[in-house]
Amino acid sequence: SVMHLREQLTDKGQCSSFTNAEKDPEEFL
């Protein structure tokens, strides 16, 4: 379920690493 969200964030955010890399929580928010 979280991966489904991450895939959508990758599409919308134009950042390919949202599905596999560790990010800063602030970047996600």
PDB file of all heavy atoms in Angstrom:
ATOM      1  N   SER A   1       0.831  -1.205   0.000  1.00  0.00           N
ATOM      2  CA  SER A   1       0.000   0.000   0.000  1.00  0.00           C
ATOM      3  C   SER A   1       0.866   1.256   0.000  1.00  0.00           C
ATOM      4  O   SER A   1       0.588   2.219  -0.719  1.00  0.00           O
ATOM      5  CB  SER A   1      -0.936  -0.003   1.215  1.00  0.00           C
ATOM      6  OG  SER A   1      -1.827  -1.089   1.167  1.00  0.00           O
ATOM      7  N   VAL A   2       1.924   1.226   0.810  1.00  0.00           N
ATOM      8  CA  VAL A   2       2.840   2.368   0.839  1.00  0.00           C
ATOM      9  C   VAL A   2       3.581   2.481  -0.490  1.00  0.00           C
ATOM     10  O   VAL A   2       3.815   3.586  -0.995  1.00  0.00           O
ATOM     11  CB  VAL A   2       3.839   2.241   2.008  1.00  0.00           C
ATOM     12  CG1 VAL A   2       4.817   3.414   2.020  1.00  0.00           C
ATOM     13  CG2 VAL A   2       3.088   2.197   3.337  1.00  0.00           C
ATOM     14  N   MET A   3       3.933   1.340  -1.100  1.00  0.00           N
ATOM     15  CA  MET A   3       4.605   1.375  -2.393  1.00  0.00           C
ATOM     16  C   MET A   3       3.693   1.967  -3.464  1.00  0.00           C
ATOM     17  O   MET A   3       4.159   2.683  -4.370  1.00  0.00           O
ATOM     18  CB  MET A   3       5.047  -0.038  -2.805  1.00  0.00           C
ATOM     19  CG  MET A   3       5.781  -0.089  -4.135  1.00  0.00           C
ATOM     20  SD  MET A   3       7.263   0.990  -4.192  1.00  0.00           S
ATOM     21  CE  MET A   3       8.405   0.024  -3.195  1.00  0.00           C
ATOM     22  N   HIS A   4       2.397   1.701  -3.378  1.00  0.00           N
ATOM     23  CA  HIS A   4       1.445   2.296  -4.315  1.00  0.00           C
ATOM     24  C   HIS A   4       1.491   3.821  -4.209  1.00  0.00           C
ATOM     25  O   HIS A   4       1.510   4.534  -5.224  1.00  0.00           O
ATOM     26  CB  HIS A   4       0.034   1.784  -4.016  1.00  0.00           C
ATOM     27  CG  HIS A   4      -0.964   2.103  -5.078  1.00  0.00           C
ATOM     28  ND1 HIS A   4      -2.333   1.919  -4.925  1.00  0.00           N
ATOM     29  CD2 HIS A   4      -0.815   2.617  -6.338  1.00  0.00           C
ATOM     30  CE1 HIS A   4      -2.949   2.293  -6.026  1.00  0.00           C
ATOM     31  NE2 HIS A   4      -2.065   2.724  -6.898  1.00  0.00           N
ATOM     32  N   LEU A   5       1.534   4.333  -2.978  1.00  0.00           N
ATOM     33  CA  LEU A   5       1.655   5.779  -2.764  1.00  0.00           C
ATOM     34  C   LEU A   5       2.993   6.291  -3.295  1.00  0.00           C
ATOM     35  O   LEU A   5       3.046   7.341  -3.958  1.00  0.00           O
ATOM     36  CB  LEU A   5       1.510   6.106  -1.272  1.00  0.00           C
ATOM     37  CG  LEU A   5       1.698   7.574  -0.875  1.00  0.00           C
ATOM     38  CD1 LEU A   5       0.609   8.446  -1.485  1.00  0.00           C
ATOM     39  CD2 LEU A   5       1.700   7.734   0.645  1.00  0.00           C
ATOM     40  N   ARG A   6       4.071   5.566  -3.033  1.00  0.00           N
ATOM     41  CA  ARG A   6       5.397   5.997  -3.478  1.00  0.00           C
ATOM     42  C   ARG A   6       5.478   6.067  -5.007  1.00  0.00           C
ATOM     43  O   ARG A   6       6.123   6.953  -5.565  1.00  0.00           O
ATOM     44  CB  ARG A   6       6.466   5.047  -2.924  1.00  0.00           C
ATOM     45  CG  ARG A   6       6.563   5.057  -1.407  1.00  0.00           C
ATOM     46  CD  ARG A   6       7.484   3.980  -0.886  1.00  0.00           C
ATOM     47  NE  ARG A   6       8.886   4.342  -1.017  1.00  0.00           N
ATOM     48  CZ  ARG A   6       9.888   3.547  -0.662  1.00  0.00           C
ATOM     49  NH1 ARG A   6       9.638   2.341  -0.178  1.00  0.00           N
ATOM     50  NH2 ARG A   6      11.138   3.938  -0.808  1.00  0.00           N
ATOM     51  N   GLU A   7       4.833   5.121  -5.683  1.00  0.00           N
ATOM     52  CA  GLU A   7       4.812   5.138  -7.144  1.00  0.00           C
ATOM     53  C   GLU A   7       4.087   6.375  -7.669  1.00  0.00           C
ATOM     54  O   GLU A   7       4.526   6.994  -8.653  1.00  0.00           O
ATOM     55  CB  GLU A   7       4.139   3.873  -7.660  1.00  0.00           C
ATOM     56  CG  GLU A   7       4.974   2.619  -7.456  1.00  0.00           C
ATOM     57  CD  GLU A   7       4.184   1.335  -7.696  1.00  0.00           C
ATOM     58  OE1 GLU A   7       2.937   1.417  -7.841  1.00  0.00           O
ATOM     59  OE2 GLU A   7       4.816   0.262  -7.728  1.00  0.00           O
ATOM     60  N   GLN A   8       3.003   6.750  -7.009  1.00  0.00           N
ATOM     61  CA  GLN A   8       2.275   7.952  -7.413  1.00  0.00           C
ATOM     62  C   GLN A   8       3.101   9.206  -7.146  1.00  0.00           C
ATOM     63  O   GLN A   8       3.102  10.145  -7.951  1.00  0.00           O
ATOM     64  CB  GLN A   8       0.935   8.035  -6.667  1.00  0.00           C
ATOM     65  CG  GLN A   8      -0.060   6.963  -7.049  1.00  0.00           C
ATOM     66  CD  GLN A   8      -0.441   7.050  -8.514  1.00  0.00           C
ATOM     67  OE1 GLN A   8      -0.829   8.116  -8.997  1.00  0.00           O
ATOM     68  NE2 GLN A   8      -0.329   5.935  -9.228  1.00  0.00           N
ATOM     69  N   LEU A   9       3.814   9.231  -6.026  1.00  0.00           N
ATOM     70  CA  LEU A   9       4.666  10.383  -5.719  1.00  0.00           C
ATOM     71  C   LEU A   9       5.799  10.501  -6.730  1.00  0.00           C
ATOM     72  O   LEU A   9       6.208  11.607  -7.092  1.00  0.00           O
ATOM     73  CB  LEU A   9       5.252  10.247  -4.307  1.00  0.00           C
ATOM     74  CG  LEU A   9       4.258  10.279  -3.144  1.00  0.00           C
ATOM     75  CD1 LEU A   9       5.003  10.158  -1.813  1.00  0.00           C
ATOM     76  CD2 LEU A   9       3.426  11.547  -3.159  1.00  0.00           C
ATOM     77  N   THR A  10       6.304   9.360  -7.197  1.00  0.00           N
ATOM     78  CA  THR A  10       7.360   9.369  -8.214  1.00  0.00           C
ATOM     79  C   THR A  10       6.844   9.998  -9.509  1.00  0.00           C
ATOM     80  O   THR A  10       7.519  10.821 -10.135  1.00  0.00           O
ATOM     81  CB  THR A  10       7.847   7.940  -8.485  1.00  0.00           C
ATOM     82  OG1 THR A  10       8.418   7.407  -7.282  1.00  0.00           O
ATOM     83  CG2 THR A  10       8.890   7.925  -9.585  1.00  0.00           C
ATOM     84  N   ASP A  11       5.627   9.632  -9.891  1.00  0.00           N
ATOM     85  CA  ASP A  11       5.035  10.182 -11.123  1.00  0.00           C
ATOM     86  C   ASP A  11       4.770  11.668 -10.994  1.00  0.00           C
ATOM     87  O   ASP A  11       5.084  12.458 -11.892  1.00  0.00           O
ATOM     88  CB  ASP A  11       3.720   9.458 -11.444  1.00  0.00           C
ATOM     89  CG  ASP A  11       3.946   8.001 -11.823  1.00  0.00           C
ATOM     90  OD1 ASP A  11       5.093   7.667 -12.188  1.00  0.00           O
ATOM     91  OD2 ASP A  11       2.992   7.216 -11.724  1.00  0.00           O
ATOM     92  N   LYS A  12       4.197  12.069  -9.848  1.00  0.00           N
ATOM     93  CA  LYS A  12       3.803  13.478  -9.674  1.00  0.00           C
ATOM     94  C   LYS A  12       4.985  14.378  -9.349  1.00  0.00           C
ATOM     95  O   LYS A  12       5.022  15.543  -9.730  1.00  0.00           O
ATOM     96  CB  LYS A  12       2.755  13.605  -8.565  1.00  0.00           C
ATOM     97  CG  LYS A  12       1.512  12.738  -8.756  1.00  0.00           C
ATOM     98  CD  LYS A  12       0.736  13.129 -10.003  1.00  0.00           C
ATOM     99  CE  LYS A  12      -0.599  12.405 -10.094  1.00  0.00           C
ATOM    100  NZ  LYS A  12      -0.483  10.941 -10.183  1.00  0.00           N
ATOM    101  N   GLY A  13       5.969  13.830  -8.613  1.00  0.00           N
ATOM    102  CA  GLY A  13       7.086  14.655  -8.160  1.00  0.00           C
ATOM    103  C   GLY A  13       8.250  14.694  -9.116  1.00  0.00           C
ATOM    104  O   GLY A  13       9.234  15.373  -8.865  1.00  0.00           O
ATOM    105  N   GLN A  14       8.171  13.916 -10.188  1.00  0.00           N
ATOM    106  CA  GLN A  14       9.240  13.870 -11.174  1.00  0.00           C
ATOM    107  C   GLN A  14      10.577  13.530 -10.524  1.00  0.00           C
ATOM    108  O   GLN A  14      11.611  14.092 -10.840  1.00  0.00           O
ATOM    109  CB  GLN A  14       9.334  15.212 -11.915  1.00  0.00           C
ATOM    110  CG  GLN A  14       8.105  15.453 -12.775  1.00  0.00           C
ATOM    111  CD  GLN A  14       7.831  16.928 -12.992  1.00  0.00           C
ATOM    112  OE1 GLN A  14       8.510  17.769 -12.442  1.00  0.00           O
ATOM    113  NE2 GLN A  14       6.837  17.220 -13.796  1.00  0.00           N
ATOM    114  N   CYS A  15      10.505  12.604  -9.571  1.00  0.00           N
ATOM    115  CA  CYS A  15      11.719  12.136  -8.892  1.00  0.00           C
ATOM    116  C   CYS A  15      11.663  10.613  -8.854  1.00  0.00           C
ATOM    117  O   CYS A  15      10.828  10.032  -8.168  1.00  0.00           O
ATOM    118  CB  CYS A  15      11.786  12.707  -7.475  1.00  0.00           C
ATOM    119  SG  CYS A  15      13.231  12.145  -6.548  1.00  0.00           S
ATOM    120  N   SER A  16      12.536   9.964  -9.592  1.00  0.00           N
ATOM    121  CA  SER A  16      12.457   8.517  -9.778  1.00  0.00           C
ATOM    122  C   SER A  16      12.858   7.719  -8.546  1.00  0.00           C
ATOM    123  O   SER A  16      12.595   6.522  -8.462  1.00  0.00           O
ATOM    124  CB  SER A  16      13.348   8.102 -10.952  1.00  0.00           C
ATOM    125  OG  SER A  16      14.696   8.469 -10.697  1.00  0.00           O
ATOM    126  N   SER A  17      13.487   8.369  -7.562  1.00  0.00           N
ATOM    127  CA  SER A  17      14.023   7.619  -6.424  1.00  0.00           C
ATOM    128  C   SER A  17      13.050   7.494  -5.254  1.00  0.00           C
ATOM    129  O   SER A  17      13.407   6.941  -4.213  1.00  0.00           O
ATOM    130  CB  SER A  17      15.323   8.276  -5.937  1.00  0.00           C
ATOM    131  OG  SER A  17      15.100   9.629  -5.590  1.00  0.00           O
ATOM    132  N   PHE A  18      11.817   7.978  -5.385  1.00  0.00           N
ATOM    133  CA  PHE A  18      10.871   7.877  -4.277  1.00  0.00           C
ATOM    134  C   PHE A  18      10.469   6.430  -3.997  1.00  0.00           C
ATOM    135  O   PHE A  18       9.978   6.122  -2.912  1.00  0.00           O
ATOM    136  CB  PHE A  18       9.615   8.710  -4.547  1.00  0.00           C
ATOM    137  CG  PHE A  18       9.593  10.010  -3.788  1.00  0.00           C
ATOM    138  CD1 PHE A  18       9.883  11.201  -4.424  1.00  0.00           C
ATOM    139  CD2 PHE A  18       9.304  10.041  -2.435  1.00  0.00           C
ATOM    140  CE1 PHE A  18       9.874  12.398  -3.726  1.00  0.00           C
ATOM    141  CE2 PHE A  18       9.301  11.231  -1.731  1.00  0.00           C
ATOM    142  CZ  PHE A  18       9.585  12.414  -2.374  1.00  0.00           C
ATOM    143  N   THR A  19      10.654   5.529  -4.950  1.00  0.00           N
ATOM    144  CA  THR A  19      10.239   4.145  -4.745  1.00  0.00           C
ATOM    145  C   THR A  19      11.338   3.263  -4.160  1.00  0.00           C
ATOM    146  O   THR A  19      11.068   2.133  -3.758  1.00  0.00           O
ATOM    147  CB  THR A  19       9.790   3.512  -6.080  1.00  0.00           C
ATOM    148  OG1 THR A  19      10.853   3.637  -7.033  1.00  0.00           O
ATOM    149  CG2 THR A  19       8.528   4.186  -6.603  1.00  0.00           C
ATOM    150  N   ASN A  20      12.573   3.763  -4.085  1.00  0.00           N
ATOM    151  CA  ASN A  20      13.638   2.871  -3.615  1.00  0.00           C
ATOM    152  C   ASN A  20      14.661   3.525  -2.691  1.00  0.00           C
ATOM    153  O   ASN A  20      15.411   2.820  -2.025  1.00  0.00           O
ATOM    154  CB  ASN A  20      14.382   2.259  -4.808  1.00  0.00           C
ATOM    155  CG  ASN A  20      14.875   3.314  -5.791  1.00  0.00           C
ATOM    156  OD1 ASN A  20      15.243   4.418  -5.405  1.00  0.00           O
ATOM    157  ND2 ASN A  20      14.865   2.971  -7.072  1.00  0.00           N
ATOM    158  N   ALA A  21      14.715   4.841  -2.632  1.00  0.00           N
ATOM    159  CA  ALA A  21      15.750   5.513  -1.850  1.00  0.00           C
ATOM    160  C   ALA A  21      15.187   6.102  -0.556  1.00  0.00           C
ATOM    161  O   ALA A  21      13.999   6.405  -0.454  1.00  0.00           O
ATOM    162  CB  ALA A  21      16.394   6.622  -2.676  1.00  0.00           C
ATOM    163  N   GLU A  22      16.064   6.238   0.428  1.00  0.00           N
ATOM    164  CA  GLU A  22      15.679   6.897   1.678  1.00  0.00           C
ATOM    165  C   GLU A  22      15.693   8.406   1.470  1.00  0.00           C
ATOM    166  O   GLU A  22      16.643   8.956   0.905  1.00  0.00           O
ATOM    167  CB  GLU A  22      16.642   6.512   2.806  1.00  0.00           C
ATOM    168  CG  GLU A  22      16.251   7.104   4.154  1.00  0.00           C
ATOM    169  CD  GLU A  22      17.147   6.652   5.286  1.00  0.00           C
ATOM    170  OE1 GLU A  22      17.931   5.700   5.080  1.00  0.00           O
ATOM    171  OE2 GLU A  22      17.079   7.255   6.365  1.00  0.00           O
ATOM    172  N   LYS A  23      14.635   9.061   1.909  1.00  0.00           N
ATOM    173  CA  LYS A  23      14.509  10.513   1.756  1.00  0.00           C
ATOM    174  C   LYS A  23      14.417  11.182   3.120  1.00  0.00           C
ATOM    175  O   LYS A  23      14.209  10.526   4.151  1.00  0.00           O
ATOM    176  CB  LYS A  23      13.241  10.848   0.956  1.00  0.00           C
ATOM    177  CG  LYS A  23      13.192  10.261  -0.444  1.00  0.00           C
ATOM    178  CD  LYS A  23      14.047  11.070  -1.387  1.00  0.00           C
ATOM    179  CE  LYS A  23      13.848  10.603  -2.819  1.00  0.00           C
ATOM    180  NZ  LYS A  23      14.688  11.356  -3.755  1.00  0.00           N
ATOM    181  N   ASP A  24      14.524  12.503   3.116  1.00  0.00           N
ATOM    182  CA  ASP A  24      14.267  13.249   4.331  1.00  0.00           C
ATOM    183  C   ASP A  24      12.751  13.407   4.471  1.00  0.00           C
ATOM    184  O   ASP A  24      12.071  13.699   3.476  1.00  0.00           O
ATOM    185  CB  ASP A  24      14.930  14.628   4.254  1.00  0.00           C
ATOM    186  CG  ASP A  24      14.898  15.338   5.596  1.00  0.00           C
ATOM    187  OD1 ASP A  24      13.893  16.019   5.890  1.00  0.00           O
ATOM    188  OD2 ASP A  24      15.873  15.188   6.360  1.00  0.00           O
ATOM    189  N   PRO A  25      12.188  13.205   5.674  1.00  0.00           N
ATOM    190  CA  PRO A  25      10.738  13.355   5.848  1.00  0.00           C
ATOM    191  C   PRO A  25      10.210  14.705   5.366  1.00  0.00           C
ATOM    192  O   PRO A  25       9.093  14.790   4.846  1.00  0.00           O
ATOM    193  CB  PRO A  25      10.548  13.202   7.358  1.00  0.00           C
ATOM    194  CG  PRO A  25      11.702  12.355   7.792  1.00  0.00           C
ATOM    195  CD  PRO A  25      12.843  12.760   6.913  1.00  0.00           C
ATOM    196  N   GLU A  26      11.014  15.752   5.518  1.00  0.00           N
ATOM    197  CA  GLU A  26      10.568  17.082   5.083  1.00  0.00           C
ATOM    198  C   GLU A  26      10.343  17.119   3.571  1.00  0.00           C
ATOM    199  O   GLU A  26       9.407  17.765   3.095  1.00  0.00           O
ATOM    200  CB  GLU A  26      11.595  18.141   5.493  1.00  0.00           C
ATOM    201  CG  GLU A  26      11.133  19.561   5.227  1.00  0.00           C
ATOM    202  CD  GLU A  26      12.089  20.599   5.776  1.00  0.00           C
ATOM    203  OE1 GLU A  26      13.181  20.221   6.252  1.00  0.00           O
ATOM    204  OE2 GLU A  26      11.762  21.796   5.727  1.00  0.00           O
ATOM    205  N   GLU A  27      11.191  16.433   2.821  1.00  0.00           N
ATOM    206  CA  GLU A  27      11.027  16.379   1.363  1.00  0.00           C
ATOM    207  C   GLU A  27       9.708  15.701   0.999  1.00  0.00           C
ATOM    208  O   GLU A  27       8.983  16.139   0.099  1.00  0.00           O
ATOM    209  CB  GLU A  27      12.202  15.621   0.736  1.00  0.00           C
ATOM    210  CG  GLU A  27      12.176  15.594  -0.779  1.00  0.00           C
ATOM    211  CD  GLU A  27      13.375  14.867  -1.365  1.00  0.00           C
ATOM    212  OE1 GLU A  27      14.265  14.444  -0.590  1.00  0.00           O
ATOM    213  OE2 GLU A  27      13.422  14.718  -2.602  1.00  0.00           O
ATOM    214  N   PHE A  28       9.385  14.611   1.707  1.00  0.00           N
ATOM    215  CA  PHE A  28       8.125  13.902   1.485  1.00  0.00           C
ATOM    216  C   PHE A  28       6.928  14.784   1.837  1.00  0.00           C
ATOM    217  O   PHE A  28       5.961  14.884   1.073  1.00  0.00           O
ATOM    218  CB  PHE A  28       8.120  12.623   2.328  1.00  0.00           C
ATOM    219  CG  PHE A  28       6.754  12.029   2.553  1.00  0.00           C
ATOM    220  CD1 PHE A  28       5.966  11.634   1.485  1.00  0.00           C
ATOM    221  CD2 PHE A  28       6.273  11.859   3.847  1.00  0.00           C
ATOM    222  CE1 PHE A  28       4.706  11.084   1.702  1.00  0.00           C
ATOM    223  CE2 PHE A  28       5.019  11.310   4.066  1.00  0.00           C
ATOM    224  CZ  PHE A  28       4.238  10.918   2.995  1.00  0.00           C
ATOM    225  N   LEU A  29       6.986  15.461   2.994  1.00  0.00           N
ATOM    226  CA  LEU A  29       5.866  16.307   3.422  1.00  0.00           C
ATOM    227  C   LEU A  29       5.654  17.482   2.477  1.00  0.00           C
ATOM    228  O   LEU A  29       4.521  17.819   2.137  1.00  0.00           O
ATOM    229  CB  LEU A  29       6.107  16.810   4.847  1.00  0.00           C
ATOM    230  CG  LEU A  29       6.054  15.758   5.958  1.00  0.00           C
ATOM    231  CD1 LEU A  29       6.415  16.369   7.292  1.00  0.00           C
ATOM    232  CD2 LEU A  29       4.694  15.096   6.019  1.00  0.00           C
TER     233      LEU A  29
END
